[in-house]
Amino acid sequence: MTLTTSKRFTIEEYHRLAELGFFTENERVELIKGEIIQMAAKGTLHTTCCSNLLEELAGLVAGRAKLRCQDPIVLASNSEPEPDFAIVRLRDDNYLSAHPNPSDILLVIEISDSTLKYDQDVKIPLYAEGGISDYWIFNLVKNHLEAYSQPYQELQGSFGYRMKQIILPNQTFALPYFPDLSLDLSKVFSGISG
């Protein structure tokens, strides 16, 4: 009987592989719990939602927070996911010294159509364990926003969020940490929902 094990990478090893040119320039990968994961290709629904959301969020948080799009964040579990969006605190060094970590992150957002199950089953516990206080999934399968908050750990050791809210595409919803800023979902879902 032969046992096979897969190599798990630290964040430092992952960065070294990138420096050595192990990944091609157009290859979309992320590090999840030490495993290098190939990211799914983006379809037109995802791309349109991403463009709409970028336009809306950039205007809302300008001067108050930094909006990062498909850029790495660092989690303690040997994970460096690249969420569709992260709203992070303003920092003097503009994140030149390091990617944002949970203490910098105000909100993580994933846009999900073909990746919905992965974003719910893998990313929810990953972000909750990492201490990400607020996680949103723009669910393009059901055309609504799933807003998760209050991360916790169950007695069995698994992680999740205590609160889940469903926000419909014709509603507005306040941004975490900025109760005076509301996102109009009709503008985000414009052209992609029935």
N, C-alpha and C. Protein backbone atom coordinates (compact mmCIF):
# COMPACT_ATOMS: atom_id res chain seq x y z
N MET A 1 0.85 -1.18 0.00
CA MET A 1 0.00 0.00 0.00
C MET A 1 0.89 1.24 0.00
N THR A 2 0.63 2.14 -0.91
CA THR A 2 1.39 3.37 -1.02
C THR A 2 0.55 4.53 -0.54
N LEU A 3 1.10 5.29 0.38
CA LEU A 3 0.43 6.49 0.85
C LEU A 3 0.99 7.68 0.10
N THR A 4 0.11 8.53 -0.34
CA THR A 4 0.57 9.75 -0.99
C THR A 4 0.19 10.94 -0.12
N THR A 5 1.09 11.86 -0.05
CA THR A 5 0.81 13.10 0.68
C THR A 5 1.12 14.27 -0.24
N SER A 6 0.38 15.31 -0.06
CA SER A 6 0.65 16.50 -0.87
C SER A 6 1.50 17.45 -0.05
N LYS A 7 2.34 18.20 -0.73
CA LYS A 7 3.20 19.17 -0.09
C LYS A 7 2.38 20.38 0.30
N ARG A 8 2.50 20.79 1.53
CA ARG A 8 1.87 22.03 2.00
C ARG A 8 2.95 23.10 2.08
N PHE A 9 2.61 24.28 1.60
CA PHE A 9 3.57 25.37 1.52
C PHE A 9 3.29 26.42 2.58
N THR A 10 4.35 27.02 3.08
CA THR A 10 4.19 28.20 3.93
C THR A 10 4.02 29.40 3.01
N ILE A 11 3.62 30.51 3.58
CA ILE A 11 3.48 31.73 2.78
C ILE A 11 4.83 32.14 2.21
N GLU A 12 5.89 31.96 3.00
CA GLU A 12 7.22 32.32 2.53
C GLU A 12 7.64 31.45 1.35
N GLU A 13 7.37 30.14 1.41
CA GLU A 13 7.69 29.24 0.30
C GLU A 13 6.88 29.59 -0.95
N TYR A 14 5.64 29.93 -0.75
CA TYR A 14 4.76 30.33 -1.85
C TYR A 14 5.31 31.57 -2.55
N HIS A 15 5.73 32.56 -1.76
CA HIS A 15 6.32 33.78 -2.33
C HIS A 15 7.61 33.46 -3.07
N ARG A 16 8.40 32.55 -2.53
CA ARG A 16 9.66 32.17 -3.17
C ARG A 16 9.40 31.50 -4.52
N LEU A 17 8.38 30.64 -4.59
CA LEU A 17 8.02 30.01 -5.87
C LEU A 17 7.65 31.07 -6.90
N ALA A 18 6.92 32.09 -6.47
CA ALA A 18 6.55 33.17 -7.39
C ALA A 18 7.79 33.92 -7.86
N GLU A 19 8.70 34.21 -6.93
CA GLU A 19 9.94 34.91 -7.29
C GLU A 19 10.77 34.11 -8.29
N LEU A 20 10.75 32.79 -8.16
CA LEU A 20 11.52 31.91 -9.05
C LEU A 20 10.84 31.70 -10.40
N GLY A 21 9.66 32.27 -10.57
CA GLY A 21 8.95 32.14 -11.84
C GLY A 21 8.21 30.83 -12.01
N PHE A 22 7.88 30.18 -10.89
CA PHE A 22 7.16 28.91 -10.93
C PHE A 22 5.77 29.07 -11.55
N PHE A 23 5.16 30.23 -11.34
CA PHE A 23 3.84 30.51 -11.89
C PHE A 23 4.00 31.41 -13.10
N THR A 24 3.20 31.16 -14.13
CA THR A 24 3.24 32.03 -15.30
C THR A 24 2.55 33.34 -14.96
N GLU A 25 2.82 34.36 -15.75
CA GLU A 25 2.28 35.69 -15.48
C GLU A 25 0.75 35.70 -15.47
N ASN A 26 0.13 34.91 -16.32
CA ASN A 26 -1.34 34.89 -16.42
C ASN A 26 -2.00 33.83 -15.56
N GLU A 27 -1.20 33.07 -14.82
CA GLU A 27 -1.75 32.00 -13.99
C GLU A 27 -2.37 32.60 -12.73
N ARG A 28 -3.62 32.24 -12.48
CA ARG A 28 -4.34 32.77 -11.31
C ARG A 28 -4.39 31.68 -10.24
N VAL A 29 -3.58 31.86 -9.20
CA VAL A 29 -3.53 30.90 -8.10
C VAL A 29 -3.61 31.65 -6.78
N GLU A 30 -3.98 30.92 -5.73
CA GLU A 30 -3.96 31.46 -4.39
C GLU A 30 -3.56 30.35 -3.43
N LEU A 31 -3.05 30.70 -2.26
CA LEU A 31 -2.61 29.74 -1.26
C LEU A 31 -3.71 29.61 -0.20
N ILE A 32 -4.25 28.40 -0.06
CA ILE A 32 -5.32 28.12 0.91
C ILE A 32 -4.87 26.98 1.80
N LYS A 33 -4.63 27.30 3.07
CA LYS A 33 -4.19 26.30 4.06
C LYS A 33 -3.00 25.49 3.56
N GLY A 34 -2.06 26.19 2.93
CA GLY A 34 -0.83 25.56 2.47
C GLY A 34 -0.90 24.93 1.10
N GLU A 35 -2.08 24.88 0.50
CA GLU A 35 -2.23 24.29 -0.83
C GLU A 35 -2.35 25.39 -1.88
N ILE A 36 -1.67 25.19 -3.01
CA ILE A 36 -1.77 26.14 -4.11
C ILE A 36 -2.99 25.74 -4.93
N ILE A 37 -3.96 26.65 -4.99
CA ILE A 37 -5.25 26.39 -5.63
C ILE A 37 -5.36 27.21 -6.91
N GLN A 38 -5.71 26.54 -7.99
CA GLN A 38 -5.98 27.23 -9.26
C GLN A 38 -7.31 27.94 -9.14
N MET A 39 -7.35 29.22 -9.45
CA MET A 39 -8.58 29.99 -9.36
C MET A 39 -9.40 29.81 -10.64
N ALA A 40 -10.71 29.84 -10.49
CA ALA A 40 -11.62 29.65 -11.63
C ALA A 40 -11.55 30.82 -12.59
N ALA A 41 -11.78 30.53 -13.85
CA ALA A 41 -11.87 31.58 -14.86
C ALA A 41 -13.13 32.41 -14.58
N LYS A 42 -13.10 33.68 -14.95
CA LYS A 42 -14.22 34.58 -14.70
C LYS A 42 -15.10 34.67 -15.94
N GLY A 43 -16.39 34.41 -15.75
CA GLY A 43 -17.35 34.54 -16.84
C GLY A 43 -17.88 35.97 -16.94
N THR A 44 -18.79 36.18 -17.87
CA THR A 44 -19.30 37.53 -18.10
C THR A 44 -20.14 38.06 -16.92
N LEU A 45 -20.93 37.18 -16.27
CA LEU A 45 -21.70 37.63 -15.10
C LEU A 45 -20.77 38.13 -14.01
N HIS A 46 -19.73 37.34 -13.72
CA HIS A 46 -18.77 37.70 -12.69
C HIS A 46 -18.08 39.02 -13.04
N THR A 47 -17.64 39.14 -14.28
CA THR A 47 -16.92 40.34 -14.72
C THR A 47 -17.80 41.58 -14.65
N THR A 48 -19.05 41.46 -15.08
CA THR A 48 -19.97 42.60 -15.04
C THR A 48 -20.25 43.01 -13.60
N CYS A 49 -20.51 42.05 -12.74
CA CYS A 49 -20.76 42.35 -11.32
C CYS A 49 -19.52 43.01 -10.70
N CYS A 50 -18.36 42.49 -11.03
CA CYS A 50 -17.10 43.04 -10.51
C CYS A 50 -16.93 44.50 -10.94
N SER A 51 -17.18 44.79 -12.20
CA SER A 51 -17.07 46.17 -12.71
C SER A 51 -18.06 47.09 -12.02
N ASN A 52 -19.31 46.64 -11.89
CA ASN A 52 -20.33 47.45 -11.22
C ASN A 52 -19.96 47.71 -9.76
N LEU A 53 -19.49 46.67 -9.09
CA LEU A 53 -19.15 46.78 -7.67
C LEU A 53 -17.93 47.69 -7.48
N LEU A 54 -16.95 47.57 -8.36
CA LEU A 54 -15.77 48.42 -8.29
C LEU A 54 -16.17 49.89 -8.39
N GLU A 55 -17.02 50.19 -9.33
CA GLU A 55 -17.47 51.57 -9.52
C GLU A 55 -18.19 52.11 -8.29
N GLU A 56 -19.07 51.31 -7.72
CA GLU A 56 -19.84 51.75 -6.55
C GLU A 56 -18.99 51.86 -5.30
N LEU A 57 -18.19 50.84 -5.01
CA LEU A 57 -17.38 50.84 -3.78
C LEU A 57 -16.32 51.92 -3.80
N ALA A 58 -15.66 52.12 -4.94
CA ALA A 58 -14.60 53.12 -5.03
C ALA A 58 -15.12 54.50 -4.64
N GLY A 59 -16.31 54.83 -5.12
CA GLY A 59 -16.90 56.12 -4.78
C GLY A 59 -17.28 56.23 -3.32
N LEU A 60 -17.74 55.12 -2.74
CA LEU A 60 -18.18 55.14 -1.34
C LEU A 60 -17.02 55.30 -0.36
N VAL A 61 -15.95 54.54 -0.54
CA VAL A 61 -14.90 54.50 0.48
C VAL A 61 -13.75 55.47 0.23
N ALA A 62 -13.78 56.19 -0.86
CA ALA A 62 -12.67 57.10 -1.21
C ALA A 62 -12.32 58.02 -0.04
N GLY A 63 -11.04 58.03 0.31
CA GLY A 63 -10.54 58.88 1.39
C GLY A 63 -10.76 58.34 2.78
N ARG A 64 -11.54 57.26 2.92
CA ARG A 64 -11.85 56.71 4.25
C ARG A 64 -11.27 55.32 4.45
N ALA A 65 -11.06 54.60 3.35
CA ALA A 65 -10.50 53.25 3.40
C ALA A 65 -9.87 52.98 2.03
N LYS A 66 -9.16 51.88 1.93
CA LYS A 66 -8.51 51.50 0.67
C LYS A 66 -9.29 50.33 0.09
N LEU A 67 -9.61 50.40 -1.19
CA LEU A 67 -10.29 49.32 -1.88
C LEU A 67 -9.26 48.54 -2.68
N ARG A 68 -9.17 47.25 -2.41
CA ARG A 68 -8.23 46.38 -3.14
C ARG A 68 -9.05 45.37 -3.94
N CYS A 69 -8.63 45.14 -5.17
CA CYS A 69 -9.38 44.28 -6.09
C CYS A 69 -8.50 43.11 -6.53
N GLN A 70 -8.90 41.90 -6.15
CA GLN A 70 -8.22 40.66 -6.52
C GLN A 70 -6.75 40.69 -6.16
N ASP A 71 -6.47 41.23 -4.97
CA ASP A 71 -5.12 41.30 -4.42
C ASP A 71 -5.02 40.42 -3.18
N PRO A 72 -3.81 39.94 -2.86
CA PRO A 72 -3.66 39.02 -1.72
C PRO A 72 -3.93 39.68 -0.37
N ILE A 73 -4.45 38.85 0.52
CA ILE A 73 -4.51 39.17 1.95
C ILE A 73 -3.83 38.00 2.66
N VAL A 74 -3.28 38.25 3.84
CA VAL A 74 -2.53 37.22 4.55
C VAL A 74 -3.31 36.76 5.77
N LEU A 75 -3.51 35.44 5.86
CA LEU A 75 -4.15 34.83 7.02
C LEU A 75 -3.15 33.90 7.70
N ALA A 76 -3.30 33.71 9.00
CA ALA A 76 -2.33 32.95 9.78
C ALA A 76 -2.28 31.47 9.42
N SER A 77 -3.26 30.95 8.74
CA SER A 77 -3.34 29.51 8.46
C SER A 77 -2.59 29.11 7.18
N ASN A 78 -1.42 29.75 6.94
CA ASN A 78 -0.68 29.53 5.69
C ASN A 78 -1.60 29.72 4.49
N SER A 79 -2.35 30.80 4.54
CA SER A 79 -3.29 31.12 3.48
C SER A 79 -3.05 32.55 3.00
N GLU A 80 -3.09 32.69 1.69
CA GLU A 80 -3.00 34.00 1.07
C GLU A 80 -4.02 34.06 -0.06
N PRO A 81 -5.30 34.12 0.32
CA PRO A 81 -6.34 34.19 -0.72
C PRO A 81 -6.30 35.54 -1.42
N GLU A 82 -6.91 35.58 -2.60
CA GLU A 82 -7.03 36.81 -3.37
C GLU A 82 -8.50 37.07 -3.64
N PRO A 83 -9.20 37.61 -2.63
CA PRO A 83 -10.64 37.84 -2.80
C PRO A 83 -10.91 38.86 -3.90
N ASP A 84 -12.13 38.83 -4.42
CA ASP A 84 -12.48 39.80 -5.45
C ASP A 84 -12.29 41.23 -4.96
N PHE A 85 -12.68 41.49 -3.71
CA PHE A 85 -12.46 42.81 -3.12
C PHE A 85 -12.12 42.65 -1.64
N ALA A 86 -11.31 43.58 -1.17
CA ALA A 86 -11.09 43.75 0.26
C ALA A 86 -11.08 45.25 0.53
N ILE A 87 -11.85 45.65 1.51
CA ILE A 87 -11.80 47.04 1.97
C ILE A 87 -10.92 47.01 3.21
N VAL A 88 -9.85 47.78 3.17
CA VAL A 88 -8.86 47.76 4.24
C VAL A 88 -8.64 49.16 4.79
N ARG A 89 -8.08 49.20 5.99
CA ARG A 89 -7.77 50.48 6.63
C ARG A 89 -6.71 51.22 5.82
N LEU A 90 -6.75 52.52 5.88
CA LEU A 90 -5.69 53.32 5.28
C LEU A 90 -4.43 53.13 6.11
N ARG A 91 -3.31 52.98 5.44
CA ARG A 91 -2.02 52.83 6.12
C ARG A 91 -1.01 53.76 5.47
N ASP A 92 -0.13 54.33 6.28
CA ASP A 92 0.86 55.27 5.78
C ASP A 92 1.72 54.70 4.66
N ASP A 93 2.06 53.40 4.75
CA ASP A 93 2.95 52.79 3.74
C ASP A 93 2.19 52.27 2.52
N ASN A 94 0.85 52.45 2.50
CA ASN A 94 0.03 52.01 1.37
C ASN A 94 0.22 50.52 1.06
N TYR A 95 0.53 49.75 2.10
CA TYR A 95 0.70 48.29 2.00
C TYR A 95 1.91 47.88 1.16
N LEU A 96 2.91 48.75 1.09
CA LEU A 96 4.15 48.38 0.40
C LEU A 96 4.98 47.41 1.22
N SER A 97 4.88 47.47 2.55
CA SER A 97 5.70 46.60 3.41
C SER A 97 5.11 45.20 3.55
N ALA A 98 3.82 45.04 3.37
CA ALA A 98 3.18 43.73 3.52
C ALA A 98 1.74 43.80 3.04
N HIS A 99 1.24 42.64 2.61
CA HIS A 99 -0.18 42.55 2.25
C HIS A 99 -1.02 42.74 3.52
N PRO A 100 -2.27 43.15 3.38
CA PRO A 100 -3.13 43.32 4.55
C PRO A 100 -3.32 42.00 5.30
N ASN A 101 -3.42 42.12 6.62
CA ASN A 101 -3.75 40.98 7.47
C ASN A 101 -5.08 41.28 8.16
N PRO A 102 -5.63 40.34 8.92
CA PRO A 102 -6.97 40.56 9.49
C PRO A 102 -7.15 41.86 10.28
N SER A 103 -6.09 42.35 10.92
CA SER A 103 -6.26 43.60 11.68
C SER A 103 -6.44 44.81 10.76
N ASP A 104 -6.06 44.67 9.50
CA ASP A 104 -6.22 45.75 8.51
C ASP A 104 -7.55 45.69 7.78
N ILE A 105 -8.18 44.51 7.77
CA ILE A 105 -9.30 44.24 6.86
C ILE A 105 -10.64 44.59 7.50
N LEU A 106 -11.41 45.41 6.79
CA LEU A 106 -12.74 45.80 7.24
C LEU A 106 -13.83 44.92 6.62
N LEU A 107 -13.60 44.47 5.40
CA LEU A 107 -14.60 43.67 4.68
C LEU A 107 -13.92 42.90 3.56
N VAL A 108 -14.27 41.62 3.41
CA VAL A 108 -13.83 40.80 2.28
C VAL A 108 -15.07 40.46 1.46
N ILE A 109 -14.92 40.54 0.13
CA ILE A 109 -16.05 40.28 -0.77
C ILE A 109 -15.63 39.29 -1.85
N GLU A 110 -16.46 38.28 -2.06
CA GLU A 110 -16.30 37.35 -3.18
C GLU A 110 -17.53 37.48 -4.07
N ILE A 111 -17.33 37.38 -5.37
CA ILE A 111 -18.42 37.35 -6.35
C ILE A 111 -18.50 35.91 -6.82
N SER A 112 -19.68 35.29 -6.68
CA SER A 112 -19.78 33.85 -6.88
C SER A 112 -20.87 33.45 -7.85
N ASP A 113 -20.45 32.73 -8.87
CA ASP A 113 -21.40 32.01 -9.72
C ASP A 113 -20.93 30.56 -9.76
N SER A 114 -19.96 30.23 -10.59
CA SER A 114 -19.46 28.84 -10.63
C SER A 114 -18.69 28.47 -9.36
N THR A 115 -18.24 29.46 -8.58
CA THR A 115 -17.46 29.19 -7.36
C THR A 115 -18.30 29.26 -6.08
N LEU A 116 -19.62 29.32 -6.21
CA LEU A 116 -20.46 29.55 -5.04
C LEU A 116 -20.23 28.52 -3.94
N LYS A 117 -20.25 27.25 -4.28
CA LYS A 117 -20.07 26.20 -3.25
C LYS A 117 -18.70 26.35 -2.57
N TYR A 118 -17.66 26.63 -3.34
CA TYR A 118 -16.32 26.82 -2.80
C TYR A 118 -16.28 28.04 -1.87
N ASP A 119 -16.89 29.13 -2.30
CA ASP A 119 -16.87 30.35 -1.49
C ASP A 119 -17.68 30.19 -0.20
N GLN A 120 -18.69 29.32 -0.22
CA GLN A 120 -19.47 29.06 0.99
C GLN A 120 -18.81 27.99 1.87
N ASP A 121 -18.36 26.89 1.28
CA ASP A 121 -17.86 25.76 2.06
C ASP A 121 -16.39 25.89 2.48
N VAL A 122 -15.58 26.56 1.68
CA VAL A 122 -14.15 26.70 1.99
C VAL A 122 -13.83 28.09 2.52
N LYS A 123 -14.32 29.12 1.85
CA LYS A 123 -13.94 30.48 2.23
C LYS A 123 -14.61 30.95 3.52
N ILE A 124 -15.86 30.54 3.79
CA ILE A 124 -16.50 30.96 5.05
C ILE A 124 -15.66 30.51 6.24
N PRO A 125 -15.35 29.21 6.38
CA PRO A 125 -14.54 28.82 7.54
C PRO A 125 -13.12 29.41 7.52
N LEU A 126 -12.55 29.58 6.32
CA LEU A 126 -11.21 30.15 6.21
C LEU A 126 -11.19 31.59 6.73
N TYR A 127 -12.12 32.41 6.27
CA TYR A 127 -12.16 33.80 6.69
C TYR A 127 -12.57 33.93 8.16
N ALA A 128 -13.50 33.10 8.61
CA ALA A 128 -13.90 33.14 10.02
C ALA A 128 -12.72 32.76 10.92
N GLU A 129 -12.01 31.70 10.56
CA GLU A 129 -10.84 31.29 11.35
C GLU A 129 -9.77 32.38 11.33
N GLY A 130 -9.64 33.07 10.21
CA GLY A 130 -8.65 34.14 10.09
C GLY A 130 -9.02 35.41 10.84
N GLY A 131 -10.22 35.46 11.39
CA GLY A 131 -10.64 36.63 12.15
C GLY A 131 -11.19 37.76 11.30
N ILE A 132 -11.61 37.45 10.08
CA ILE A 132 -12.23 38.45 9.21
C ILE A 132 -13.64 38.70 9.76
N SER A 133 -13.89 39.92 10.21
CA SER A 133 -15.15 40.20 10.90
C SER A 133 -16.36 40.20 9.98
N ASP A 134 -16.17 40.61 8.72
CA ASP A 134 -17.29 40.70 7.80
C ASP A 134 -16.90 40.14 6.44
N TYR A 135 -17.74 39.26 5.92
CA TYR A 135 -17.50 38.59 4.64
C TYR A 135 -18.79 38.62 3.84
N TRP A 136 -18.71 39.12 2.61
CA TRP A 136 -19.88 39.19 1.74
C TRP A 136 -19.67 38.30 0.53
N ILE A 137 -20.74 37.61 0.14
CA ILE A 137 -20.75 36.85 -1.11
C ILE A 137 -21.85 37.43 -2.00
N PHE A 138 -21.45 37.94 -3.16
CA PHE A 138 -22.44 38.33 -4.16
C PHE A 138 -22.82 37.06 -4.91
N ASN A 139 -23.95 36.49 -4.51
CA ASN A 139 -24.43 35.21 -5.03
C ASN A 139 -25.14 35.46 -6.36
N LEU A 140 -24.44 35.15 -7.46
CA LEU A 140 -25.01 35.39 -8.79
C LEU A 140 -25.90 34.24 -9.25
N VAL A 141 -25.93 33.16 -8.48
CA VAL A 141 -26.83 32.05 -8.79
C VAL A 141 -28.26 32.43 -8.37
N LYS A 142 -28.38 33.01 -7.17
CA LYS A 142 -29.70 33.40 -6.65
C LYS A 142 -29.93 34.91 -6.71
N ASN A 143 -28.96 35.65 -7.21
CA ASN A 143 -29.06 37.11 -7.34
C ASN A 143 -29.40 37.82 -6.04
N HIS A 144 -28.54 37.62 -5.06
CA HIS A 144 -28.65 38.38 -3.82
C HIS A 144 -27.26 38.48 -3.18
N LEU A 145 -27.18 39.31 -2.15
CA LEU A 145 -25.97 39.44 -1.36
C LEU A 145 -26.13 38.63 -0.09
N GLU A 146 -25.13 37.81 0.23
CA GLU A 146 -25.07 37.11 1.52
C GLU A 146 -24.04 37.84 2.36
N ALA A 147 -24.47 38.42 3.47
CA ALA A 147 -23.57 39.17 4.35
C ALA A 147 -23.36 38.38 5.64
N TYR A 148 -22.13 37.97 5.87
CA TYR A 148 -21.76 37.19 7.05
C TYR A 148 -20.99 38.06 8.03
N SER A 149 -21.27 37.90 9.32
CA SER A 149 -20.56 38.65 10.35
C SER A 149 -20.48 37.83 11.63
N GLN A 150 -19.69 38.29 12.56
CA GLN A 150 -19.48 37.67 13.86
C GLN A 150 -18.88 36.26 13.75
N PRO A 151 -17.59 36.17 13.40
CA PRO A 151 -16.93 34.86 13.31
C PRO A 151 -16.89 34.17 14.68
N TYR A 152 -16.96 32.85 14.64
CA TYR A 152 -16.90 32.07 15.89
C TYR A 152 -16.31 30.69 15.59
N GLN A 153 -15.94 29.99 16.66
CA GLN A 153 -15.46 28.62 16.55
C GLN A 153 -16.39 27.70 17.33
N GLU A 154 -16.84 26.62 16.67
CA GLU A 154 -17.71 25.65 17.33
C GLU A 154 -16.89 24.78 18.27
N LEU A 155 -17.55 24.10 19.20
CA LEU A 155 -16.86 23.22 20.14
C LEU A 155 -16.06 22.14 19.42
N GLN A 156 -16.54 21.67 18.28
CA GLN A 156 -15.84 20.64 17.51
C GLN A 156 -14.61 21.20 16.79
N GLY A 157 -14.44 22.52 16.81
CA GLY A 157 -13.26 23.12 16.22
C GLY A 157 -13.48 23.82 14.90
N SER A 158 -14.61 23.59 14.24
CA SER A 158 -14.83 24.24 12.94
C SER A 158 -15.22 25.71 13.15
N PHE A 159 -15.02 26.50 12.09
CA PHE A 159 -15.27 27.94 12.16
C PHE A 159 -16.43 28.32 11.24
N GLY A 160 -17.08 29.39 11.59
CA GLY A 160 -18.16 29.91 10.79
C GLY A 160 -18.53 31.31 11.25
N TYR A 161 -19.67 31.79 10.80
CA TYR A 161 -20.17 33.10 11.20
C TYR A 161 -21.52 32.93 11.87
N ARG A 162 -21.73 33.68 12.96
CA ARG A 162 -22.99 33.61 13.69
C ARG A 162 -24.14 34.23 12.90
N MET A 163 -23.86 35.29 12.17
CA MET A 163 -24.91 36.04 11.48
C MET A 163 -24.79 35.88 9.97
N LYS A 164 -25.93 35.62 9.33
CA LYS A 164 -26.01 35.62 7.88
C LYS A 164 -27.26 36.41 7.52
N GLN A 165 -27.08 37.42 6.67
CA GLN A 165 -28.20 38.20 6.19
C GLN A 165 -28.26 38.07 4.67
N ILE A 166 -29.47 38.02 4.16
CA ILE A 166 -29.70 38.02 2.71
C ILE A 166 -30.24 39.40 2.34
N ILE A 167 -29.55 40.05 1.41
CA ILE A 167 -29.98 41.36 0.95
C ILE A 167 -30.34 41.23 -0.52
N LEU A 168 -31.54 41.63 -0.86
CA LEU A 168 -32.06 41.47 -2.22
C LEU A 168 -31.50 42.54 -3.16
N PRO A 169 -31.52 42.26 -4.47
CA PRO A 169 -30.88 43.17 -5.42
C PRO A 169 -31.55 44.54 -5.58
N ASN A 170 -32.69 44.74 -4.95
CA ASN A 170 -33.34 46.06 -5.02
C ASN A 170 -33.19 46.82 -3.71
N GLN A 171 -32.34 46.34 -2.80
CA GLN A 171 -32.17 46.96 -1.49
C GLN A 171 -30.82 47.67 -1.38
N THR A 172 -30.69 48.46 -0.32
CA THR A 172 -29.40 49.05 0.02
C THR A 172 -28.92 48.41 1.32
N PHE A 173 -27.61 48.46 1.54
CA PHE A 173 -27.05 47.82 2.73
C PHE A 173 -25.83 48.61 3.18
N ALA A 174 -25.76 48.88 4.48
CA ALA A 174 -24.67 49.68 5.04
C ALA A 174 -23.36 48.88 5.05
N LEU A 175 -22.27 49.58 4.78
CA LEU A 175 -20.95 48.95 4.83
C LEU A 175 -20.52 48.78 6.29
N PRO A 176 -19.91 47.64 6.62
CA PRO A 176 -19.37 47.47 7.98
C PRO A 176 -18.36 48.58 8.28
N TYR A 177 -18.36 49.06 9.50
CA TYR A 177 -17.47 50.12 9.98
C TYR A 177 -17.86 51.50 9.46
N PHE A 178 -18.75 51.58 8.49
CA PHE A 178 -19.18 52.85 7.93
C PHE A 178 -20.70 52.88 7.84
N PRO A 179 -21.40 52.97 8.98
CA PRO A 179 -22.86 52.90 8.95
C PRO A 179 -23.51 54.02 8.14
N ASP A 180 -22.75 55.09 7.87
CA ASP A 180 -23.29 56.19 7.07
C ASP A 180 -23.13 55.95 5.57
N LEU A 181 -22.45 54.86 5.18
CA LEU A 181 -22.25 54.55 3.77
C LEU A 181 -23.07 53.32 3.39
N SER A 182 -23.96 53.46 2.45
CA SER A 182 -24.80 52.34 2.02
C SER A 182 -24.57 52.02 0.55
N LEU A 183 -24.50 50.75 0.26
CA LEU A 183 -24.33 50.26 -1.10
C LEU A 183 -25.70 49.98 -1.70
N ASP A 184 -25.97 50.56 -2.84
CA ASP A 184 -27.22 50.35 -3.57
C ASP A 184 -27.04 49.11 -4.45
N LEU A 185 -27.63 47.99 -4.04
CA LEU A 185 -27.44 46.75 -4.75
C LEU A 185 -28.05 46.76 -6.16
N SER A 186 -29.04 47.62 -6.38
CA SER A 186 -29.63 47.67 -7.73
C SER A 186 -28.58 48.11 -8.75
N LYS A 187 -27.60 48.91 -8.34
CA LYS A 187 -26.53 49.34 -9.24
C LYS A 187 -25.51 48.24 -9.44
N VAL A 188 -25.30 47.41 -8.43
CA VAL A 188 -24.35 46.30 -8.54
C VAL A 188 -24.93 45.19 -9.41
N PHE A 189 -26.20 44.87 -9.20
CA PHE A 189 -26.84 43.79 -9.96
C PHE A 189 -27.40 44.27 -11.30
N SER A 190 -27.20 45.54 -11.63
CA SER A 190 -27.71 46.09 -12.87
C SER A 190 -27.20 45.30 -14.08
N GLY A 191 -28.14 44.82 -14.88
CA GLY A 191 -27.78 44.09 -16.10
C GLY A 191 -27.47 42.62 -15.90
N ILE A 192 -27.45 42.15 -14.63
CA ILE A 192 -27.12 40.73 -14.42
C ILE A 192 -28.22 39.97 -13.70
N SER A 193 -29.24 40.66 -13.21
CA SER A 193 -30.32 39.94 -12.54
C SER A 193 -31.65 40.26 -13.23
N GLY A 194 -32.56 39.29 -13.11
CA GLY A 194 -33.85 39.46 -13.76
C GLY A 194 -34.82 40.21 -12.95
